[in-house]
Amino acid sequence: MKRAFLLLAAVASVAGLGVATVPATTGDVSPADTDAIGDVYVKDLSLEIPNAPQIFLEREAPQVDIQLHHNSTGVEDGVYQTTLTVTVTAKVGDKTLFLVEASQAGIFVARNIPAQEMDAVLGIACPNILFPYVREVISDTVVRAGFPPVILSPVNFEAIYQSQRQPAVAQGDPPVQIITPTISH
C-alpha cells in the first residue's frame, strides 16, 4: 500500500491536485523501486470541419458534446501505456461545426505495486496526469481551426473509477465506459 501511496502522492503533485505529504518510510522502498512517468505524448490527433467555409458564417451558439475514455496496456513488466482520448463535437442544428479527437498517452513505470492496487493506479492516477495535456491539445487545436477555445472542465477520475466498480444495475447494464456531457456555449 505504501508504494501506491507514494505514486499517488507524486501524481497529486504533478497533476496540480495539491501538495501531498509523504510519510517517512522505514527503508522498505529503495530508489530502484521508484515509480516514474516515462514519456507523455500525443498518440493521435484528428480535426474535421466538414461544412467549411459556410459554417464560419453561423451565428447560433453550438451544442458541444464531449466524450472521454481511457485505457491502459502493459508494455513490459512494470511498464504501462495509458491513453486518454477526448472527442469534442460541436453542432449547430444538424450541421457539424467541427469534430476534434485527441489521444494523449503516457508511459508509466509502476513496479512493486500490489495487483489489487494497480487497477486504481492505472484508472485514476495515470489519467489524472494525462488530462491537463489532452485538455491543452483540444483547446489549441480548436483555436487553430478558427473557433473559440473549448476549455474542458476538470474530471474526477476517482469517481469514474468507483462508478465502474459498482455492481451493474438491476437491468444488467455494463459499467460506465464513456462520459458524454452536453455543454452549450
N, C-alpha and C. Protein backbone atom coordinates (compact mmCIF):
# COMPACT_ATOMS: atom_id res chain seq x y z
N MET A 1 0.82 -1.19 0.00
CA MET A 1 0.00 0.00 0.00
C MET A 1 0.87 1.25 0.00
N LYS A 2 2.03 1.18 0.66
CA LYS A 2 2.90 2.34 0.74
C LYS A 2 3.40 2.74 -0.64
N ARG A 3 3.66 1.75 -1.52
CA ARG A 3 4.13 2.02 -2.89
C ARG A 3 3.07 2.80 -3.65
N ALA A 4 1.81 2.35 -3.57
CA ALA A 4 0.74 3.04 -4.28
C ALA A 4 0.56 4.45 -3.73
N PHE A 5 0.71 4.62 -2.42
CA PHE A 5 0.58 5.95 -1.84
C PHE A 5 1.66 6.87 -2.37
N LEU A 6 2.88 6.37 -2.48
CA LEU A 6 3.97 7.21 -3.00
C LEU A 6 3.70 7.64 -4.43
N LEU A 7 3.21 6.72 -5.27
CA LEU A 7 2.91 7.08 -6.66
C LEU A 7 1.75 8.08 -6.70
N LEU A 8 0.71 7.82 -5.93
CA LEU A 8 -0.42 8.73 -5.93
C LEU A 8 -0.06 10.08 -5.35
N ALA A 9 0.85 10.14 -4.38
CA ALA A 9 1.29 11.42 -3.85
C ALA A 9 2.06 12.18 -4.92
N ALA A 10 2.88 11.48 -5.67
CA ALA A 10 3.60 12.13 -6.77
C ALA A 10 2.63 12.61 -7.83
N VAL A 11 1.61 11.81 -8.11
CA VAL A 11 0.60 12.19 -9.09
C VAL A 11 -0.13 13.44 -8.64
N ALA A 12 -0.49 13.50 -7.37
CA ALA A 12 -1.21 14.66 -6.85
C ALA A 12 -0.37 15.91 -7.05
N SER A 13 0.91 15.79 -6.84
CA SER A 13 1.80 16.94 -7.00
C SER A 13 1.94 17.31 -8.47
N VAL A 14 2.19 16.34 -9.33
CA VAL A 14 2.39 16.60 -10.76
C VAL A 14 1.12 17.12 -11.41
N ALA A 15 -0.03 16.56 -11.05
CA ALA A 15 -1.29 16.92 -11.69
C ALA A 15 -1.90 18.19 -11.11
N GLY A 16 -1.20 18.81 -10.17
CA GLY A 16 -1.72 20.05 -9.61
C GLY A 16 -2.89 19.84 -8.67
N LEU A 17 -2.96 18.68 -8.06
CA LEU A 17 -4.07 18.38 -7.17
C LEU A 17 -3.75 18.76 -5.73
N GLY A 18 -2.67 19.47 -5.54
CA GLY A 18 -2.27 19.86 -4.19
C GLY A 18 -0.99 19.14 -3.81
N VAL A 19 -0.35 19.66 -2.83
CA VAL A 19 0.90 19.05 -2.38
C VAL A 19 0.57 17.98 -1.36
N ALA A 20 0.98 16.79 -1.65
CA ALA A 20 0.71 15.68 -0.74
C ALA A 20 1.90 15.48 0.17
N THR A 21 1.63 15.14 1.40
CA THR A 21 2.69 14.86 2.35
C THR A 21 2.97 13.37 2.32
N VAL A 22 4.21 13.03 2.08
CA VAL A 22 4.60 11.63 2.02
C VAL A 22 5.25 11.27 3.34
N PRO A 23 4.69 10.29 4.06
CA PRO A 23 5.27 9.93 5.35
C PRO A 23 6.65 9.31 5.18
N ALA A 24 7.46 9.45 6.20
CA ALA A 24 8.80 8.85 6.19
C ALA A 24 8.65 7.34 6.11
N THR A 25 9.52 6.71 5.32
CA THR A 25 9.46 5.27 5.19
C THR A 25 10.46 4.63 6.12
N THR A 26 10.33 3.35 6.32
CA THR A 26 11.23 2.63 7.21
C THR A 26 12.29 1.89 6.42
N GLY A 27 12.52 2.34 5.18
CA GLY A 27 13.56 1.71 4.38
C GLY A 27 13.07 0.60 3.48
N ASP A 28 11.76 0.33 3.44
CA ASP A 28 11.26 -0.76 2.61
C ASP A 28 11.04 -0.34 1.16
N VAL A 29 11.28 0.92 0.83
CA VAL A 29 11.17 1.40 -0.54
C VAL A 29 12.54 1.91 -0.96
N SER A 30 13.16 1.22 -1.92
CA SER A 30 14.50 1.63 -2.34
C SER A 30 14.41 2.53 -3.57
N PRO A 31 15.49 3.29 -3.86
CA PRO A 31 15.48 4.13 -5.05
C PRO A 31 15.25 3.34 -6.33
N ALA A 32 15.62 2.08 -6.37
CA ALA A 32 15.42 1.25 -7.56
C ALA A 32 13.94 0.97 -7.80
N ASP A 33 13.14 1.12 -6.74
CA ASP A 33 11.71 0.85 -6.85
C ASP A 33 10.92 2.09 -7.28
N THR A 34 11.58 3.19 -7.53
CA THR A 34 10.90 4.45 -7.79
C THR A 34 10.00 4.34 -9.01
N ASP A 35 8.76 4.81 -8.85
CA ASP A 35 7.81 4.88 -9.94
C ASP A 35 8.11 6.14 -10.73
N ALA A 36 7.85 6.10 -12.02
CA ALA A 36 8.21 7.25 -12.85
C ALA A 36 7.24 7.40 -14.01
N ILE A 37 7.22 8.61 -14.52
CA ILE A 37 6.50 8.90 -15.75
C ILE A 37 7.55 8.90 -16.83
N GLY A 38 7.44 7.99 -17.79
CA GLY A 38 8.43 7.91 -18.86
C GLY A 38 8.27 9.04 -19.85
N ASP A 39 7.31 8.93 -20.72
CA ASP A 39 7.05 9.93 -21.74
C ASP A 39 5.56 10.24 -21.77
N VAL A 40 5.23 11.47 -22.10
CA VAL A 40 3.85 11.88 -22.34
C VAL A 40 3.83 12.43 -23.75
N TYR A 41 2.91 11.92 -24.58
CA TYR A 41 2.92 12.29 -25.99
C TYR A 41 1.52 12.23 -26.59
N VAL A 42 1.33 12.98 -27.68
CA VAL A 42 0.08 12.91 -28.44
C VAL A 42 0.18 11.68 -29.33
N LYS A 43 -0.67 10.71 -29.06
CA LYS A 43 -0.65 9.47 -29.82
C LYS A 43 -1.43 9.59 -31.12
N ASP A 44 -2.53 10.36 -31.07
CA ASP A 44 -3.36 10.54 -32.26
C ASP A 44 -4.10 11.86 -32.14
N LEU A 45 -4.25 12.55 -33.26
CA LEU A 45 -4.96 13.83 -33.28
C LEU A 45 -5.69 13.94 -34.60
N SER A 46 -6.98 14.30 -34.53
CA SER A 46 -7.79 14.42 -35.73
C SER A 46 -8.69 15.63 -35.60
N LEU A 47 -8.82 16.38 -36.70
CA LEU A 47 -9.72 17.52 -36.76
C LEU A 47 -10.49 17.46 -38.06
N GLU A 48 -11.80 17.62 -37.95
CA GLU A 48 -12.66 17.65 -39.14
C GLU A 48 -13.53 18.89 -39.07
N ILE A 49 -13.62 19.61 -40.17
CA ILE A 49 -14.54 20.74 -40.33
C ILE A 49 -15.30 20.47 -41.62
N PRO A 50 -16.30 19.58 -41.56
CA PRO A 50 -16.95 19.10 -42.78
C PRO A 50 -17.77 20.15 -43.53
N ASN A 51 -18.21 21.20 -42.88
CA ASN A 51 -19.07 22.18 -43.53
C ASN A 51 -18.39 23.52 -43.76
N ALA A 52 -17.06 23.51 -43.80
CA ALA A 52 -16.33 24.76 -44.07
C ALA A 52 -16.45 25.06 -45.56
N PRO A 53 -16.48 26.28 -45.96
CA PRO A 53 -16.34 27.51 -45.18
C PRO A 53 -17.68 28.07 -44.70
N GLN A 54 -18.80 27.52 -45.16
CA GLN A 54 -20.10 28.07 -44.81
C GLN A 54 -20.35 28.08 -43.29
N ILE A 55 -19.80 27.12 -42.60
CA ILE A 55 -20.06 27.01 -41.17
C ILE A 55 -19.52 28.21 -40.39
N PHE A 56 -18.52 28.88 -40.95
CA PHE A 56 -17.95 30.04 -40.26
C PHE A 56 -18.90 31.25 -40.30
N LEU A 57 -19.95 31.17 -41.09
CA LEU A 57 -20.94 32.24 -41.17
C LEU A 57 -22.07 32.05 -40.15
N GLU A 58 -22.11 30.89 -39.49
CA GLU A 58 -23.15 30.60 -38.49
C GLU A 58 -22.98 31.51 -37.28
N ARG A 59 -24.08 31.99 -36.74
CA ARG A 59 -24.05 32.88 -35.58
C ARG A 59 -24.74 32.27 -34.36
N GLU A 60 -25.36 31.11 -34.54
CA GLU A 60 -26.02 30.45 -33.42
C GLU A 60 -24.97 29.82 -32.50
N ALA A 61 -25.34 29.71 -31.24
CA ALA A 61 -24.46 29.03 -30.28
C ALA A 61 -24.51 27.52 -30.56
N PRO A 62 -23.36 26.89 -30.63
CA PRO A 62 -23.33 25.45 -30.93
C PRO A 62 -23.65 24.60 -29.71
N GLN A 63 -24.09 23.39 -29.97
CA GLN A 63 -24.20 22.36 -28.94
C GLN A 63 -22.87 21.61 -28.99
N VAL A 64 -22.24 21.44 -27.84
CA VAL A 64 -20.94 20.78 -27.78
C VAL A 64 -21.10 19.48 -27.01
N ASP A 65 -20.69 18.38 -27.61
CA ASP A 65 -20.73 17.07 -26.99
C ASP A 65 -19.30 16.63 -26.73
N ILE A 66 -19.03 16.18 -25.52
CA ILE A 66 -17.67 15.75 -25.15
C ILE A 66 -17.73 14.31 -24.70
N GLN A 67 -16.88 13.48 -25.29
CA GLN A 67 -16.77 12.08 -24.89
C GLN A 67 -15.34 11.84 -24.44
N LEU A 68 -15.21 11.04 -23.40
CA LEU A 68 -13.91 10.80 -22.78
C LEU A 68 -13.79 9.34 -22.42
N HIS A 69 -12.67 8.74 -22.74
CA HIS A 69 -12.39 7.39 -22.27
C HIS A 69 -10.88 7.17 -22.18
N HIS A 70 -10.51 6.16 -21.43
CA HIS A 70 -9.09 5.84 -21.29
C HIS A 70 -8.91 4.34 -21.20
N ASN A 71 -7.71 3.91 -21.53
CA ASN A 71 -7.36 2.51 -21.36
C ASN A 71 -5.87 2.40 -21.08
N SER A 72 -5.49 1.30 -20.48
CA SER A 72 -4.08 1.05 -20.16
C SER A 72 -3.71 -0.33 -20.64
N THR A 73 -2.49 -0.43 -21.15
CA THR A 73 -1.96 -1.72 -21.59
C THR A 73 -0.55 -1.88 -21.05
N GLY A 74 -0.17 -3.12 -20.82
CA GLY A 74 1.19 -3.41 -20.38
C GLY A 74 2.15 -3.35 -21.56
N VAL A 75 3.27 -2.68 -21.36
CA VAL A 75 4.30 -2.60 -22.39
C VAL A 75 5.35 -3.67 -22.13
N GLU A 76 5.77 -3.75 -20.88
CA GLU A 76 6.66 -4.80 -20.40
C GLU A 76 6.45 -4.88 -18.90
N ASP A 77 7.19 -5.73 -18.22
CA ASP A 77 6.99 -5.93 -16.79
C ASP A 77 7.12 -4.61 -16.02
N GLY A 78 6.02 -4.17 -15.42
CA GLY A 78 6.02 -2.96 -14.61
C GLY A 78 5.98 -1.66 -15.40
N VAL A 79 5.81 -1.76 -16.72
CA VAL A 79 5.75 -0.56 -17.57
C VAL A 79 4.40 -0.60 -18.31
N TYR A 80 3.67 0.51 -18.23
CA TYR A 80 2.33 0.57 -18.80
C TYR A 80 2.17 1.80 -19.68
N GLN A 81 1.33 1.65 -20.70
CA GLN A 81 0.93 2.80 -21.50
C GLN A 81 -0.54 3.07 -21.20
N THR A 82 -0.83 4.30 -20.78
CA THR A 82 -2.21 4.72 -20.58
C THR A 82 -2.52 5.75 -21.65
N THR A 83 -3.67 5.59 -22.30
CA THR A 83 -4.11 6.52 -23.33
C THR A 83 -5.45 7.11 -22.90
N LEU A 84 -5.52 8.43 -22.92
CA LEU A 84 -6.73 9.17 -22.59
C LEU A 84 -7.20 9.83 -23.88
N THR A 85 -8.40 9.48 -24.34
CA THR A 85 -8.94 10.00 -25.59
C THR A 85 -10.15 10.88 -25.31
N VAL A 86 -10.12 12.08 -25.90
CA VAL A 86 -11.23 13.03 -25.76
C VAL A 86 -11.72 13.36 -27.16
N THR A 87 -13.04 13.27 -27.36
CA THR A 87 -13.68 13.62 -28.62
C THR A 87 -14.65 14.76 -28.35
N VAL A 88 -14.49 15.86 -29.09
CA VAL A 88 -15.37 17.01 -28.95
C VAL A 88 -16.05 17.24 -30.29
N THR A 89 -17.39 17.27 -30.27
CA THR A 89 -18.17 17.53 -31.46
C THR A 89 -19.04 18.75 -31.20
N ALA A 90 -18.93 19.76 -32.08
CA ALA A 90 -19.76 20.96 -31.98
C ALA A 90 -20.69 21.00 -33.17
N LYS A 91 -21.99 21.22 -32.88
CA LYS A 91 -23.01 21.26 -33.95
C LYS A 91 -23.92 22.46 -33.76
N VAL A 92 -24.40 22.98 -34.88
CA VAL A 92 -25.47 23.96 -34.91
C VAL A 92 -26.59 23.29 -35.70
N GLY A 93 -27.65 22.95 -34.99
CA GLY A 93 -28.72 22.18 -35.63
C GLY A 93 -28.17 20.82 -36.02
N ASP A 94 -28.31 20.47 -37.30
CA ASP A 94 -27.78 19.20 -37.78
C ASP A 94 -26.44 19.35 -38.48
N LYS A 95 -25.90 20.56 -38.51
CA LYS A 95 -24.61 20.82 -39.17
C LYS A 95 -23.47 20.74 -38.15
N THR A 96 -22.45 19.99 -38.51
CA THR A 96 -21.28 19.87 -37.65
C THR A 96 -20.33 21.03 -37.91
N LEU A 97 -20.03 21.79 -36.85
CA LEU A 97 -19.02 22.85 -36.96
C LEU A 97 -17.64 22.22 -37.04
N PHE A 98 -17.35 21.40 -36.02
CA PHE A 98 -16.06 20.71 -36.01
C PHE A 98 -16.17 19.46 -35.16
N LEU A 99 -15.24 18.56 -35.42
CA LEU A 99 -15.07 17.36 -34.62
C LEU A 99 -13.57 17.24 -34.40
N VAL A 100 -13.16 17.24 -33.15
CA VAL A 100 -11.74 17.07 -32.84
C VAL A 100 -11.60 15.91 -31.86
N GLU A 101 -10.62 15.05 -32.13
CA GLU A 101 -10.35 13.92 -31.25
C GLU A 101 -8.85 13.88 -30.99
N ALA A 102 -8.50 13.82 -29.72
CA ALA A 102 -7.09 13.74 -29.34
C ALA A 102 -6.90 12.58 -28.39
N SER A 103 -5.85 11.81 -28.65
CA SER A 103 -5.46 10.72 -27.75
C SER A 103 -4.11 11.08 -27.17
N GLN A 104 -4.09 11.33 -25.88
CA GLN A 104 -2.85 11.66 -25.17
C GLN A 104 -2.41 10.40 -24.45
N ALA A 105 -1.17 10.03 -24.61
CA ALA A 105 -0.69 8.79 -24.00
C ALA A 105 0.52 9.08 -23.11
N GLY A 106 0.76 8.17 -22.22
CA GLY A 106 1.91 8.27 -21.34
C GLY A 106 2.45 6.89 -21.04
N ILE A 107 3.75 6.83 -20.85
CA ILE A 107 4.42 5.60 -20.43
C ILE A 107 4.69 5.76 -18.94
N PHE A 108 4.20 4.81 -18.15
CA PHE A 108 4.32 4.88 -16.70
C PHE A 108 5.04 3.64 -16.18
N VAL A 109 6.06 3.86 -15.38
CA VAL A 109 6.78 2.76 -14.74
C VAL A 109 6.19 2.63 -13.34
N ALA A 110 5.61 1.49 -13.05
CA ALA A 110 4.95 1.26 -11.77
C ALA A 110 5.26 -0.17 -11.33
N ARG A 111 6.38 -0.31 -10.68
CA ARG A 111 6.81 -1.65 -10.23
C ARG A 111 6.54 -1.81 -8.74
N ASN A 112 6.38 -3.04 -8.34
CA ASN A 112 6.21 -3.41 -6.93
C ASN A 112 4.94 -2.84 -6.31
N ILE A 113 3.93 -2.61 -7.12
CA ILE A 113 2.62 -2.21 -6.61
C ILE A 113 1.75 -3.46 -6.62
N PRO A 114 1.10 -3.77 -5.51
CA PRO A 114 0.26 -4.98 -5.47
C PRO A 114 -0.79 -4.96 -6.58
N ALA A 115 -1.07 -6.12 -7.11
CA ALA A 115 -2.00 -6.25 -8.25
C ALA A 115 -3.36 -5.63 -7.94
N GLN A 116 -3.85 -5.78 -6.71
CA GLN A 116 -5.16 -5.23 -6.37
C GLN A 116 -5.17 -3.71 -6.35
N GLU A 117 -4.00 -3.07 -6.27
CA GLU A 117 -3.92 -1.61 -6.29
C GLU A 117 -3.56 -1.06 -7.67
N MET A 118 -3.00 -1.91 -8.53
CA MET A 118 -2.55 -1.46 -9.85
C MET A 118 -3.71 -0.93 -10.70
N ASP A 119 -4.86 -1.57 -10.62
CA ASP A 119 -6.01 -1.13 -11.39
C ASP A 119 -6.39 0.31 -11.03
N ALA A 120 -6.35 0.64 -9.74
CA ALA A 120 -6.67 2.00 -9.31
C ALA A 120 -5.60 2.99 -9.78
N VAL A 121 -4.35 2.61 -9.74
CA VAL A 121 -3.28 3.49 -10.21
C VAL A 121 -3.47 3.80 -11.69
N LEU A 122 -3.74 2.76 -12.48
CA LEU A 122 -3.91 2.95 -13.92
C LEU A 122 -5.23 3.64 -14.27
N GLY A 123 -6.26 3.48 -13.43
CA GLY A 123 -7.56 4.06 -13.72
C GLY A 123 -7.78 5.45 -13.13
N ILE A 124 -6.96 5.83 -12.15
CA ILE A 124 -7.14 7.13 -11.51
C ILE A 124 -5.90 8.01 -11.71
N ALA A 125 -4.76 7.52 -11.25
CA ALA A 125 -3.55 8.34 -11.24
C ALA A 125 -3.06 8.68 -12.64
N CYS A 126 -2.96 7.69 -13.50
CA CYS A 126 -2.42 7.95 -14.84
C CYS A 126 -3.31 8.89 -15.67
N PRO A 127 -4.64 8.68 -15.72
CA PRO A 127 -5.46 9.65 -16.44
C PRO A 127 -5.40 11.07 -15.85
N ASN A 128 -5.24 11.16 -14.52
CA ASN A 128 -5.10 12.48 -13.90
C ASN A 128 -3.85 13.20 -14.39
N ILE A 129 -2.79 12.46 -14.63
CA ILE A 129 -1.56 13.07 -15.15
C ILE A 129 -1.76 13.50 -16.59
N LEU A 130 -2.44 12.69 -17.39
CA LEU A 130 -2.61 12.97 -18.82
C LEU A 130 -3.62 14.06 -19.12
N PHE A 131 -4.62 14.24 -18.26
CA PHE A 131 -5.72 15.15 -18.57
C PHE A 131 -5.28 16.59 -18.88
N PRO A 132 -4.41 17.21 -18.11
CA PRO A 132 -4.02 18.59 -18.46
C PRO A 132 -3.40 18.70 -19.86
N TYR A 133 -2.68 17.68 -20.27
CA TYR A 133 -2.06 17.68 -21.60
C TYR A 133 -3.10 17.60 -22.70
N VAL A 134 -4.04 16.64 -22.57
CA VAL A 134 -5.06 16.49 -23.62
C VAL A 134 -6.00 17.68 -23.63
N ARG A 135 -6.22 18.27 -22.48
CA ARG A 135 -7.05 19.48 -22.39
C ARG A 135 -6.43 20.60 -23.21
N GLU A 136 -5.12 20.77 -23.10
CA GLU A 136 -4.41 21.80 -23.86
C GLU A 136 -4.43 21.49 -25.35
N VAL A 137 -4.23 20.24 -25.72
CA VAL A 137 -4.23 19.85 -27.14
C VAL A 137 -5.59 20.15 -27.77
N ILE A 138 -6.67 19.80 -27.08
CA ILE A 138 -8.02 20.05 -27.60
C ILE A 138 -8.24 21.56 -27.78
N SER A 139 -7.96 22.33 -26.76
CA SER A 139 -8.18 23.77 -26.82
C SER A 139 -7.35 24.41 -27.93
N ASP A 140 -6.09 24.06 -28.01
CA ASP A 140 -5.19 24.63 -29.02
C ASP A 140 -5.64 24.26 -30.43
N THR A 141 -6.04 23.02 -30.63
CA THR A 141 -6.47 22.57 -31.96
C THR A 141 -7.74 23.31 -32.40
N VAL A 142 -8.69 23.47 -31.49
CA VAL A 142 -9.93 24.16 -31.83
C VAL A 142 -9.65 25.63 -32.18
N VAL A 143 -8.80 26.28 -31.42
CA VAL A 143 -8.45 27.68 -31.69
C VAL A 143 -7.73 27.80 -33.04
N ARG A 144 -6.80 26.91 -33.32
CA ARG A 144 -6.07 26.96 -34.59
C ARG A 144 -6.97 26.66 -35.79
N ALA A 145 -8.11 26.01 -35.52
CA ALA A 145 -9.08 25.74 -36.58
C ALA A 145 -9.97 26.95 -36.84
N GLY A 146 -9.85 27.99 -36.02
CA GLY A 146 -10.62 29.21 -36.25
C GLY A 146 -11.86 29.36 -35.39
N PHE A 147 -11.98 28.55 -34.35
CA PHE A 147 -13.15 28.60 -33.47
C PHE A 147 -12.74 29.09 -32.09
N PRO A 148 -13.70 29.55 -31.28
CA PRO A 148 -13.39 29.89 -29.89
C PRO A 148 -12.90 28.64 -29.15
N PRO A 149 -12.05 28.81 -28.15
CA PRO A 149 -11.49 27.64 -27.46
C PRO A 149 -12.55 26.83 -26.72
N VAL A 150 -12.30 25.54 -26.64
CA VAL A 150 -13.10 24.64 -25.82
C VAL A 150 -12.22 24.32 -24.62
N ILE A 151 -12.64 24.79 -23.45
CA ILE A 151 -11.88 24.53 -22.23
C ILE A 151 -12.59 23.41 -21.47
N LEU A 152 -11.93 22.29 -21.37
CA LEU A 152 -12.53 21.14 -20.69
C LEU A 152 -12.50 21.35 -19.18
N SER A 153 -13.61 21.09 -18.54
CA SER A 153 -13.69 21.17 -17.08
C SER A 153 -12.89 20.03 -16.46
N PRO A 154 -12.44 20.21 -15.22
CA PRO A 154 -11.72 19.11 -14.55
C PRO A 154 -12.59 17.86 -14.48
N VAL A 155 -11.93 16.72 -14.48
CA VAL A 155 -12.61 15.43 -14.45
C VAL A 155 -12.20 14.70 -13.18
N ASN A 156 -13.17 14.11 -12.49
CA ASN A 156 -12.90 13.34 -11.29
C ASN A 156 -12.75 11.87 -11.69
N PHE A 157 -11.52 11.46 -11.97
CA PHE A 157 -11.27 10.08 -12.42
C PHE A 157 -11.52 9.07 -11.30
N GLU A 158 -11.39 9.51 -10.06
CA GLU A 158 -11.68 8.59 -8.96
C GLU A 158 -13.16 8.24 -8.94
N ALA A 159 -14.04 9.22 -9.16
CA ALA A 159 -15.47 8.96 -9.20
C ALA A 159 -15.82 8.05 -10.38
N ILE A 160 -15.19 8.28 -11.51
CA ILE A 160 -15.43 7.42 -12.68
C ILE A 160 -14.99 6.00 -12.37
N TYR A 161 -13.81 5.87 -11.78
CA TYR A 161 -13.28 4.55 -11.42
C TYR A 161 -14.24 3.84 -10.47
N GLN A 162 -14.71 4.56 -9.45
CA GLN A 162 -15.63 3.95 -8.49
C GLN A 162 -16.94 3.55 -9.14
N SER A 163 -17.46 4.38 -10.04
CA SER A 163 -18.73 4.04 -10.69
C SER A 163 -18.59 2.81 -11.59
N GLN A 164 -17.41 2.61 -12.15
CA GLN A 164 -17.19 1.43 -12.98
C GLN A 164 -17.09 0.17 -12.13
N ARG A 165 -16.75 0.31 -10.88
CA ARG A 165 -16.57 -0.84 -10.00
C ARG A 165 -17.86 -1.23 -9.28
N GLN A 166 -18.88 -0.39 -9.32
CA GLN A 166 -20.15 -0.71 -8.66
C GLN A 166 -20.84 -1.83 -9.41
N PRO A 167 -21.61 -2.64 -8.69
CA PRO A 167 -22.34 -3.69 -9.39
C PRO A 167 -23.29 -3.09 -10.43
N ALA A 168 -23.45 -3.81 -11.51
CA ALA A 168 -24.36 -3.34 -12.57
C ALA A 168 -25.76 -3.18 -12.01
N VAL A 169 -26.49 -2.25 -12.56
CA VAL A 169 -27.87 -2.04 -12.11
C VAL A 169 -28.71 -3.27 -12.41
N ALA A 170 -29.90 -3.30 -11.86
CA ALA A 170 -30.76 -4.48 -11.96
C ALA A 170 -30.97 -4.95 -13.39
N GLN A 171 -30.89 -4.04 -14.36
CA GLN A 171 -31.12 -4.41 -15.75
C GLN A 171 -29.90 -5.08 -16.37
N GLY A 172 -28.80 -5.14 -15.64
CA GLY A 172 -27.61 -5.78 -16.15
C GLY A 172 -26.80 -4.91 -17.10
N ASP A 173 -26.91 -3.58 -16.97
CA ASP A 173 -26.14 -2.69 -17.82
C ASP A 173 -24.65 -2.83 -17.53
N PRO A 174 -23.80 -2.71 -18.55
CA PRO A 174 -22.36 -2.77 -18.32
C PRO A 174 -21.89 -1.53 -17.58
N PRO A 175 -20.69 -1.56 -16.96
CA PRO A 175 -20.19 -0.39 -16.27
C PRO A 175 -20.00 0.78 -17.24
N VAL A 176 -20.00 1.97 -16.69
CA VAL A 176 -19.83 3.18 -17.49
C VAL A 176 -18.46 3.15 -18.16
N GLN A 177 -18.43 3.38 -19.47
CA GLN A 177 -17.17 3.39 -20.21
C GLN A 177 -16.86 4.77 -20.76
N ILE A 178 -17.90 5.53 -21.12
CA ILE A 178 -17.70 6.81 -21.77
C ILE A 178 -18.57 7.85 -21.07
N ILE A 179 -18.02 9.03 -20.87
CA ILE A 179 -18.76 10.13 -20.27
C ILE A 179 -19.17 11.05 -21.40
N THR A 180 -20.43 11.40 -21.47
CA THR A 180 -20.89 12.24 -22.58
C THR A 180 -21.73 13.41 -22.10
N PRO A 181 -21.12 14.38 -21.43
CA PRO A 181 -21.89 15.57 -21.07
C PRO A 181 -22.13 16.43 -22.30
N THR A 182 -23.24 17.12 -22.34
CA THR A 182 -23.51 18.05 -23.41
C THR A 182 -23.42 19.46 -22.83
N ILE A 183 -22.64 20.30 -23.47
CA ILE A 183 -22.39 21.65 -22.98
C ILE A 183 -22.78 22.63 -24.07
N SER A 184 -23.53 23.64 -23.70
CA SER A 184 -23.88 24.70 -24.65
C SER A 184 -22.97 25.88 -24.43
N HIS A 185 -22.48 26.44 -25.51
CA HIS A 185 -21.62 27.63 -25.42
C HIS A 185 -22.37 28.82 -25.91
